[in-house]
């Protein structure tokens, strides 16, 4: 069975199937990469909870940065957010994001 949450014509914020929750990409508010990352990860927390999951159950995370020179600043926030011993498989790359003011986007897949 496939369950979809907060579905619109374009996308669902969460799709659950066979014990896996797929979250749509999350961005955050703020001027700096650190601020946007903190806000973004707060939104991930809310979606994980809604999906019946948690940070400890993350399987894979893909992070897009508008500029790879922000890698260290993003990681400083990320490293304090990920529970020790529960780091997911992760990829990080540079991409042109949907709006010019966006600096980071996080896409999470987690067990539930």
Protein backbone atom coordinates (compact mmCIF):
# COMPACT_ATOMS: atom_id res chain seq x y z
CA UNK A 1 0.00 0.00 0.00
CA UNK A 2 1.18 3.51 -0.80
CA UNK A 3 0.21 6.38 1.52
CA UNK A 4 0.56 10.02 0.49
CA UNK A 5 0.45 13.01 2.85
CA UNK A 6 -0.16 16.68 2.05
CA UNK A 7 -0.64 15.90 -1.61
CA UNK A 8 -1.20 18.54 -4.27
CA UNK A 9 -1.34 18.30 -8.04
CA UNK A 10 2.47 18.66 -8.17
CA UNK A 11 3.76 16.61 -5.25
CA UNK A 12 3.27 14.97 -1.87
CA UNK A 13 5.25 16.11 1.16
CA UNK A 14 5.53 12.48 2.32
CA UNK A 15 5.07 9.18 0.50
CA UNK A 16 5.17 5.96 2.55
CA UNK A 17 5.62 2.49 1.07
CA UNK A 18 6.92 -0.83 2.40
CA UNK A 19 8.33 0.65 5.61
CA UNK A 20 10.07 3.55 3.90
CA UNK A 21 9.09 7.24 4.07
CA UNK A 22 10.19 9.51 1.24
CA UNK A 23 10.17 13.21 2.13
CA UNK A 24 9.98 15.97 -0.43
CA UNK A 25 12.92 18.36 -0.57
CA UNK A 26 13.03 20.84 2.28
CA UNK A 27 14.42 24.36 2.23
CA UNK A 28 14.62 26.89 5.04
CA UNK A 29 14.34 30.56 5.80
CA UNK A 30 17.28 32.75 6.77
CA UNK A 31 20.07 34.85 5.34
CA UNK A 32 22.98 32.47 5.93
CA UNK A 33 23.57 28.84 5.03
CA UNK A 34 23.61 27.98 8.74
CA UNK A 35 20.24 29.67 9.34
CA UNK A 36 18.66 28.03 6.31
CA UNK A 37 20.10 24.63 7.27
CA UNK A 38 18.76 24.86 10.84
CA UNK A 39 15.30 25.85 9.59
CA UNK A 40 15.34 23.21 6.90
CA UNK A 41 16.27 20.46 9.37
CA UNK A 42 13.52 21.63 11.71
CA UNK A 43 11.07 21.09 8.85
CA UNK A 44 12.57 17.64 8.24
CA UNK A 45 11.98 16.82 11.94
CA UNK A 46 8.30 17.76 11.59
CA UNK A 47 7.85 15.61 8.47
CA UNK A 48 9.68 12.66 10.01
CA UNK A 49 7.38 12.84 13.03
CA UNK A 50 4.31 13.02 10.80
CA UNK A 51 5.59 9.96 8.90
CA UNK A 52 6.03 8.03 12.15
CA UNK A 53 9.81 8.14 11.82
CA UNK A 54 12.76 9.99 13.36
CA UNK A 55 16.32 11.13 12.78
CA UNK A 56 17.54 7.76 14.05
CA UNK A 57 15.71 6.01 11.21
CA UNK A 58 17.08 8.04 8.31
CA UNK A 59 18.41 5.81 5.54
CA UNK A 60 19.66 8.29 2.95
CA UNK A 61 19.95 12.06 2.67
CA UNK A 62 20.75 14.12 -0.42
CA UNK A 63 21.82 17.71 0.20
CA UNK A 64 21.97 20.33 -2.55
CA UNK A 65 23.96 23.50 -1.99
CA UNK A 66 23.72 26.52 -4.26
CA UNK A 67 27.48 26.94 -3.73
CA UNK A 68 29.84 24.18 -2.55
CA UNK A 69 31.94 26.81 -0.78
CA UNK A 70 29.16 26.66 1.88
CA UNK A 71 29.88 22.96 2.58
CA UNK A 72 31.67 23.52 5.92
CA UNK A 73 29.02 25.96 7.21
CA UNK A 74 26.20 23.53 6.36
CA UNK A 75 28.11 20.60 7.90
CA UNK A 76 28.62 22.52 11.16
CA UNK A 77 24.83 22.56 11.60
CA UNK A 78 24.30 19.07 10.18
CA UNK A 79 26.86 17.48 12.50
CA UNK A 80 25.08 18.73 15.63
CA UNK A 81 21.67 17.61 14.29
CA UNK A 82 22.41 13.99 13.31
CA UNK A 83 22.21 11.60 16.28
CA UNK A 84 25.57 10.01 17.02
CA UNK A 85 25.75 6.50 15.60
CA UNK A 86 22.76 7.08 13.27
CA UNK A 87 24.29 8.94 10.32
CA UNK A 88 22.49 8.07 7.08
CA UNK A 89 24.10 7.38 3.74
CA UNK A 90 24.58 10.90 2.38
CA UNK A 91 25.42 12.77 -0.79
CA UNK A 92 26.00 16.48 -1.20
CA UNK A 93 26.34 18.40 -4.42
CA UNK A 94 25.97 21.81 -5.97
CA UNK A 95 22.82 22.72 -7.87
CA UNK A 96 20.87 25.74 -8.98
CA UNK A 97 17.95 25.78 -6.54
CA UNK A 98 14.36 26.86 -7.22
CA UNK A 99 14.78 30.45 -6.00
CA UNK A 100 17.86 32.68 -5.99
CA UNK A 101 17.74 33.26 -2.20
CA UNK A 102 17.88 29.52 -1.42
CA UNK A 103 21.25 28.18 -0.33
CA UNK A 104 20.45 24.59 0.75
CA UNK A 105 17.87 21.86 0.11
CA UNK A 106 17.66 18.53 1.97
CA UNK A 107 15.92 15.38 0.71
CA UNK A 108 15.40 12.55 3.21
CA UNK A 109 14.46 8.88 2.93
CA UNK A 110 13.78 7.11 6.23
CA UNK A 111 12.42 3.89 7.66
CA UNK A 112 9.28 4.12 9.79
